[in-house]
């Protein structure tokens, strides 16, 4: 995780401190509302299934899991990754899924997003 990415994610977590976050194992353990997926756990899609909203990078594997499970999602844009750009376009055209730029992530209110995504 890049330093810039980590900064924006941490700002997002602290601005939504009433929520619990499930994150990959390598994410820093700095907050009481952040829970890491165990390193040896292979069925991470179960965590996506249990979530109210998945805030994810627009990589196809996690996106397809969310689509299959009909989970609400917020996509974090990564403009320099061609697969992500194409996935973002597809999701917007076919499902109306919106995305946010990394620097905009800190302004996302999970309460508002959850109500809007219902």
N, C-alpha and C. Protein backbone atom coordinates (compact mmCIF):
# COMPACT_ATOMS: atom_id res chain seq x y z
N UNK A 1 0.85 -1.16 0.00
CA UNK A 1 0.00 0.00 0.00
C UNK A 1 0.90 1.23 0.00
N UNK A 2 0.66 2.13 -0.93
CA UNK A 2 1.49 3.32 -1.01
C UNK A 2 1.19 4.25 0.18
N UNK A 3 2.14 5.12 0.47
CA UNK A 3 1.97 6.06 1.57
C UNK A 3 0.78 6.97 1.33
N UNK A 4 0.61 7.41 0.09
CA UNK A 4 -0.51 8.28 -0.24
C UNK A 4 -1.83 7.54 -0.06
N UNK A 5 -1.90 6.31 -0.56
CA UNK A 5 -3.10 5.49 -0.42
C UNK A 5 -3.43 5.28 1.05
N UNK A 6 -2.41 4.94 1.83
CA UNK A 6 -2.59 4.69 3.26
C UNK A 6 -3.13 5.94 3.96
N UNK A 7 -2.62 7.11 3.60
CA UNK A 7 -3.07 8.36 4.21
C UNK A 7 -4.56 8.59 3.95
N UNK A 8 -5.00 8.41 2.71
CA UNK A 8 -6.40 8.65 2.38
C UNK A 8 -7.32 7.62 3.04
N UNK A 9 -6.89 6.37 3.10
CA UNK A 9 -7.68 5.34 3.75
C UNK A 9 -7.79 5.62 5.25
N UNK A 10 -6.71 6.02 5.87
CA UNK A 10 -6.75 6.34 7.30
C UNK A 10 -7.67 7.52 7.58
N UNK A 11 -7.66 8.53 6.72
CA UNK A 11 -8.58 9.66 6.89
C UNK A 11 -10.03 9.19 6.75
N UNK A 12 -10.28 8.29 5.83
CA UNK A 12 -11.62 7.74 5.64
C UNK A 12 -12.07 6.97 6.88
N UNK A 13 -11.19 6.17 7.43
CA UNK A 13 -11.53 5.39 8.63
C UNK A 13 -11.80 6.30 9.81
N UNK A 14 -10.96 7.30 10.01
CA UNK A 14 -11.16 8.17 11.17
C UNK A 14 -12.40 9.05 11.01
N UNK A 15 -12.78 9.38 9.78
CA UNK A 15 -14.00 10.17 9.58
C UNK A 15 -15.26 9.32 9.66
N UNK A 16 -15.11 8.01 9.71
CA UNK A 16 -16.24 7.08 9.83
C UNK A 16 -16.02 6.13 11.00
N UNK A 17 -15.62 6.70 12.13
CA UNK A 17 -15.19 5.88 13.27
C UNK A 17 -16.31 5.06 13.91
N UNK A 18 -17.56 5.33 13.59
CA UNK A 18 -18.66 4.55 14.15
C UNK A 18 -18.85 3.22 13.43
N UNK A 19 -18.12 3.02 12.37
CA UNK A 19 -18.23 1.80 11.56
C UNK A 19 -17.05 0.88 11.80
N UNK A 20 -17.26 -0.39 11.57
CA UNK A 20 -16.16 -1.36 11.65
C UNK A 20 -15.65 -1.61 10.23
N UNK A 21 -14.36 -1.77 10.10
CA UNK A 21 -13.73 -2.00 8.81
C UNK A 21 -13.00 -3.33 8.83
N UNK A 22 -13.19 -4.10 7.80
CA UNK A 22 -12.46 -5.36 7.62
C UNK A 22 -11.48 -5.11 6.49
N UNK A 23 -10.21 -5.31 6.77
CA UNK A 23 -9.17 -4.94 5.82
C UNK A 23 -8.20 -6.11 5.62
N UNK A 24 -7.40 -6.06 4.55
CA UNK A 24 -6.39 -7.11 4.34
C UNK A 24 -5.41 -7.17 5.51
N UNK A 25 -4.77 -8.29 5.65
CA UNK A 25 -3.86 -8.54 6.76
C UNK A 25 -2.73 -7.53 6.86
N UNK A 26 -2.25 -7.02 5.73
CA UNK A 26 -1.10 -6.12 5.74
C UNK A 26 -1.45 -4.68 6.15
N UNK A 27 -2.73 -4.39 6.34
CA UNK A 27 -3.13 -3.04 6.73
C UNK A 27 -2.65 -2.76 8.16
N UNK A 28 -2.13 -1.55 8.44
CA UNK A 28 -1.65 -1.24 9.78
C UNK A 28 -2.74 -1.38 10.84
N UNK A 29 -2.37 -1.91 12.00
CA UNK A 29 -3.33 -2.13 13.09
C UNK A 29 -3.25 -0.95 14.06
N UNK A 30 -3.90 0.15 13.67
CA UNK A 30 -3.82 1.38 14.46
C UNK A 30 -5.14 1.80 15.10
N UNK A 31 -6.22 1.16 14.72
CA UNK A 31 -7.53 1.62 15.13
C UNK A 31 -8.33 0.48 15.76
N UNK A 32 -9.17 0.85 16.71
CA UNK A 32 -9.99 -0.17 17.38
C UNK A 32 -11.15 -0.64 16.50
N UNK A 33 -11.50 0.12 15.48
CA UNK A 33 -12.61 -0.27 14.60
C UNK A 33 -12.12 -0.95 13.31
N UNK A 34 -10.87 -1.36 13.26
CA UNK A 34 -10.30 -2.03 12.09
C UNK A 34 -9.94 -3.46 12.46
N UNK A 35 -10.42 -4.39 11.64
CA UNK A 35 -10.17 -5.81 11.88
C UNK A 35 -9.51 -6.40 10.63
N UNK A 36 -8.38 -7.03 10.84
CA UNK A 36 -7.63 -7.60 9.72
C UNK A 36 -8.10 -9.01 9.41
N UNK A 37 -8.20 -9.33 8.13
CA UNK A 37 -8.47 -10.70 7.71
C UNK A 37 -7.21 -11.50 8.01
N UNK A 38 -7.33 -12.61 8.70
CA UNK A 38 -6.13 -13.41 9.01
C UNK A 38 -5.35 -13.77 7.75
N UNK A 39 -4.04 -13.76 7.87
CA UNK A 39 -3.14 -14.02 6.75
C UNK A 39 -3.42 -15.37 6.08
N UNK A 40 -3.76 -16.37 6.85
CA UNK A 40 -3.95 -17.71 6.30
C UNK A 40 -5.40 -18.02 5.94
N UNK A 41 -6.29 -17.03 6.00
CA UNK A 41 -7.70 -17.26 5.68
C UNK A 41 -7.89 -17.15 4.17
N UNK A 42 -8.39 -18.19 3.54
CA UNK A 42 -8.47 -18.24 2.08
C UNK A 42 -9.82 -17.82 1.50
N UNK A 43 -10.83 -17.75 2.32
CA UNK A 43 -12.18 -17.46 1.83
C UNK A 43 -12.59 -16.02 2.14
N UNK A 44 -11.80 -15.06 1.67
CA UNK A 44 -12.04 -13.66 2.01
C UNK A 44 -13.38 -13.15 1.46
N UNK A 45 -13.94 -13.82 0.47
CA UNK A 45 -15.24 -13.41 -0.05
C UNK A 45 -16.32 -13.49 1.03
N UNK A 46 -16.13 -14.31 2.05
CA UNK A 46 -17.09 -14.38 3.15
C UNK A 46 -17.18 -13.06 3.90
N UNK A 47 -16.06 -12.34 3.98
CA UNK A 47 -16.08 -11.04 4.62
C UNK A 47 -16.86 -10.04 3.78
N UNK A 48 -16.69 -10.09 2.47
CA UNK A 48 -17.46 -9.20 1.59
C UNK A 48 -18.95 -9.50 1.72
N UNK A 49 -19.29 -10.76 1.82
CA UNK A 49 -20.69 -11.15 1.94
C UNK A 49 -21.31 -10.64 3.24
N UNK A 50 -20.54 -10.58 4.29
CA UNK A 50 -21.04 -10.13 5.59
C UNK A 50 -21.11 -8.60 5.70
N UNK A 51 -20.50 -7.89 4.78
CA UNK A 51 -20.42 -6.43 4.86
C UNK A 51 -21.72 -5.76 4.42
N UNK A 52 -21.95 -4.57 4.95
CA UNK A 52 -23.07 -3.74 4.49
C UNK A 52 -22.69 -3.02 3.21
N UNK A 53 -21.46 -2.54 3.15
CA UNK A 53 -20.94 -1.84 1.97
C UNK A 53 -19.49 -2.27 1.80
N UNK A 54 -19.12 -2.57 0.58
CA UNK A 54 -17.72 -2.90 0.28
C UNK A 54 -17.08 -1.68 -0.36
N UNK A 55 -16.06 -1.16 0.27
CA UNK A 55 -15.27 -0.05 -0.28
C UNK A 55 -14.03 -0.71 -0.83
N UNK A 56 -13.93 -0.75 -2.16
CA UNK A 56 -12.92 -1.59 -2.80
C UNK A 56 -12.22 -0.88 -3.95
N UNK A 57 -11.03 -1.37 -4.25
CA UNK A 57 -10.37 -1.00 -5.50
C UNK A 57 -11.16 -1.70 -6.60
N UNK A 58 -11.08 -1.20 -7.80
CA UNK A 58 -11.93 -1.75 -8.85
C UNK A 58 -11.27 -2.90 -9.60
N UNK A 59 -10.59 -3.76 -8.86
CA UNK A 59 -10.07 -4.99 -9.45
C UNK A 59 -11.22 -5.97 -9.65
N UNK A 60 -11.15 -6.75 -10.72
CA UNK A 60 -12.29 -7.57 -11.11
C UNK A 60 -12.64 -8.66 -10.11
N UNK A 61 -11.69 -9.26 -9.42
CA UNK A 61 -12.03 -10.38 -8.55
C UNK A 61 -12.95 -9.94 -7.41
N UNK A 62 -12.63 -8.86 -6.73
CA UNK A 62 -13.49 -8.40 -5.64
C UNK A 62 -14.80 -7.83 -6.18
N UNK A 63 -14.73 -7.13 -7.29
CA UNK A 63 -15.94 -6.59 -7.91
C UNK A 63 -16.89 -7.73 -8.28
N UNK A 64 -16.37 -8.78 -8.88
CA UNK A 64 -17.25 -9.89 -9.28
C UNK A 64 -17.86 -10.58 -8.06
N UNK A 65 -17.11 -10.67 -6.97
CA UNK A 65 -17.68 -11.24 -5.74
C UNK A 65 -18.83 -10.38 -5.25
N UNK A 66 -18.64 -9.07 -5.26
CA UNK A 66 -19.71 -8.17 -4.81
C UNK A 66 -20.93 -8.25 -5.72
N UNK A 67 -20.72 -8.33 -7.02
CA UNK A 67 -21.84 -8.47 -7.95
C UNK A 67 -22.59 -9.77 -7.72
N UNK A 68 -21.85 -10.86 -7.57
CA UNK A 68 -22.46 -12.16 -7.36
C UNK A 68 -23.31 -12.18 -6.09
N UNK A 69 -22.85 -11.49 -5.07
CA UNK A 69 -23.55 -11.47 -3.78
C UNK A 69 -24.52 -10.30 -3.65
N UNK A 70 -24.64 -9.51 -4.73
CA UNK A 70 -25.52 -8.34 -4.73
C UNK A 70 -25.18 -7.37 -3.59
N UNK A 71 -23.90 -7.17 -3.36
CA UNK A 71 -23.43 -6.27 -2.29
C UNK A 71 -23.27 -4.85 -2.82
N UNK A 72 -23.64 -3.88 -1.99
CA UNK A 72 -23.40 -2.48 -2.32
C UNK A 72 -21.90 -2.24 -2.32
N UNK A 73 -21.43 -1.42 -3.25
CA UNK A 73 -19.99 -1.16 -3.30
C UNK A 73 -19.70 0.28 -3.67
N UNK A 74 -18.60 0.75 -3.16
CA UNK A 74 -18.02 2.03 -3.54
C UNK A 74 -16.65 1.70 -4.11
N UNK A 75 -16.41 2.12 -5.35
CA UNK A 75 -15.14 1.83 -6.01
C UNK A 75 -14.15 2.95 -5.79
N UNK A 76 -12.94 2.57 -5.47
CA UNK A 76 -11.84 3.52 -5.38
C UNK A 76 -11.13 3.48 -6.74
N UNK A 77 -11.10 4.63 -7.40
CA UNK A 77 -10.49 4.71 -8.74
C UNK A 77 -8.97 4.60 -8.68
N UNK A 78 -8.45 3.84 -9.62
CA UNK A 78 -6.99 3.80 -9.85
C UNK A 78 -6.82 3.99 -11.35
N UNK A 79 -6.58 5.21 -11.78
CA UNK A 79 -6.62 5.56 -13.19
C UNK A 79 -5.50 4.96 -14.03
N UNK A 80 -4.41 4.55 -13.43
CA UNK A 80 -3.27 4.05 -14.19
C UNK A 80 -3.29 2.54 -14.40
N UNK A 81 -4.38 1.90 -14.01
CA UNK A 81 -4.48 0.45 -14.17
C UNK A 81 -5.60 0.17 -15.17
N UNK A 82 -5.23 -0.21 -16.41
CA UNK A 82 -6.23 -0.36 -17.48
C UNK A 82 -7.41 -1.26 -17.11
N UNK A 83 -7.17 -2.35 -16.43
CA UNK A 83 -8.27 -3.24 -16.05
C UNK A 83 -9.26 -2.55 -15.13
N UNK A 84 -8.76 -1.75 -14.21
CA UNK A 84 -9.63 -1.01 -13.29
C UNK A 84 -10.47 0.03 -14.04
N UNK A 85 -9.87 0.71 -15.00
CA UNK A 85 -10.58 1.73 -15.77
C UNK A 85 -11.73 1.08 -16.53
N UNK A 86 -11.47 -0.06 -17.16
CA UNK A 86 -12.51 -0.75 -17.91
C UNK A 86 -13.60 -1.30 -16.99
N UNK A 87 -13.22 -1.83 -15.85
CA UNK A 87 -14.20 -2.35 -14.89
C UNK A 87 -15.08 -1.22 -14.39
N UNK A 88 -14.48 -0.08 -14.08
CA UNK A 88 -15.24 1.08 -13.60
C UNK A 88 -16.26 1.53 -14.64
N UNK A 89 -15.85 1.61 -15.90
CA UNK A 89 -16.76 2.02 -16.97
C UNK A 89 -17.92 1.03 -17.10
N UNK A 90 -17.59 -0.25 -17.08
CA UNK A 90 -18.62 -1.29 -17.20
C UNK A 90 -19.62 -1.20 -16.05
N UNK A 91 -19.12 -1.09 -14.82
CA UNK A 91 -20.01 -1.05 -13.66
C UNK A 91 -20.90 0.19 -13.67
N UNK A 92 -20.36 1.30 -14.14
CA UNK A 92 -21.16 2.51 -14.20
C UNK A 92 -22.26 2.37 -15.26
N UNK A 93 -21.91 1.84 -16.43
CA UNK A 93 -22.89 1.70 -17.52
C UNK A 93 -23.95 0.64 -17.20
N UNK A 94 -23.54 -0.50 -16.69
CA UNK A 94 -24.46 -1.62 -16.50
C UNK A 94 -25.21 -1.61 -15.17
N UNK A 95 -24.58 -1.07 -14.13
CA UNK A 95 -25.16 -1.16 -12.79
C UNK A 95 -25.31 0.19 -12.09
N UNK A 96 -24.81 1.26 -12.70
CA UNK A 96 -24.89 2.57 -12.07
C UNK A 96 -23.99 2.74 -10.86
N UNK A 97 -22.98 1.88 -10.74
CA UNK A 97 -22.04 1.96 -9.62
C UNK A 97 -21.16 3.19 -9.80
N UNK A 98 -21.07 3.97 -8.76
CA UNK A 98 -20.24 5.17 -8.79
C UNK A 98 -18.87 4.87 -8.20
N UNK A 99 -17.92 5.70 -8.56
CA UNK A 99 -16.56 5.54 -8.04
C UNK A 99 -16.09 6.87 -7.47
N UNK A 100 -15.05 6.79 -6.65
CA UNK A 100 -14.46 7.99 -6.07
C UNK A 100 -12.96 7.96 -6.29
N UNK A 101 -12.41 9.14 -6.49
CA UNK A 101 -10.96 9.25 -6.56
C UNK A 101 -10.40 9.09 -5.16
N UNK A 102 -9.18 8.63 -5.08
CA UNK A 102 -8.55 8.38 -3.78
C UNK A 102 -8.62 9.62 -2.89
N UNK A 103 -8.33 10.78 -3.44
CA UNK A 103 -8.32 11.99 -2.62
C UNK A 103 -9.72 12.39 -2.17
N UNK A 104 -10.77 11.86 -2.80
CA UNK A 104 -12.14 12.15 -2.41
C UNK A 104 -12.67 11.17 -1.36
N UNK A 105 -11.94 10.11 -1.12
CA UNK A 105 -12.40 9.05 -0.22
C UNK A 105 -12.72 9.59 1.17
N UNK A 106 -11.91 10.50 1.66
CA UNK A 106 -12.11 11.02 3.02
C UNK A 106 -13.44 11.77 3.15
N UNK A 107 -14.02 12.20 2.03
CA UNK A 107 -15.29 12.94 2.06
C UNK A 107 -16.51 12.03 1.94
N UNK A 108 -16.30 10.74 1.79
CA UNK A 108 -17.41 9.80 1.64
C UNK A 108 -18.00 9.50 3.02
N UNK A 109 -19.28 9.72 3.15
CA UNK A 109 -19.99 9.38 4.38
C UNK A 109 -20.64 8.01 4.17
N UNK A 110 -20.27 7.04 5.00
CA UNK A 110 -20.86 5.72 4.86
C UNK A 110 -22.35 5.73 5.15
N UNK A 111 -22.78 6.55 6.06
CA UNK A 111 -24.22 6.65 6.35
C UNK A 111 -24.97 7.10 5.10
N UNK A 112 -24.49 8.17 4.46
CA UNK A 112 -25.14 8.66 3.24
C UNK A 112 -25.04 7.64 2.12
N UNK A 113 -23.89 7.03 1.97
CA UNK A 113 -23.70 6.05 0.91
C UNK A 113 -24.62 4.85 1.10
N UNK A 114 -24.74 4.39 2.31
CA UNK A 114 -25.60 3.24 2.58
C UNK A 114 -27.06 3.55 2.23
N UNK A 115 -27.53 4.74 2.59
CA UNK A 115 -28.90 5.13 2.27
C UNK A 115 -29.09 5.27 0.78
N UNK A 116 -28.11 5.82 0.09
CA UNK A 116 -28.19 6.04 -1.36
C UNK A 116 -28.14 4.73 -2.12
N UNK A 117 -27.42 3.74 -1.60
CA UNK A 117 -27.24 2.48 -2.31
C UNK A 117 -28.38 1.48 -2.09
N UNK A 118 -29.31 1.78 -1.22
CA UNK A 118 -30.43 0.86 -0.94
C UNK A 118 -31.33 0.74 -2.14
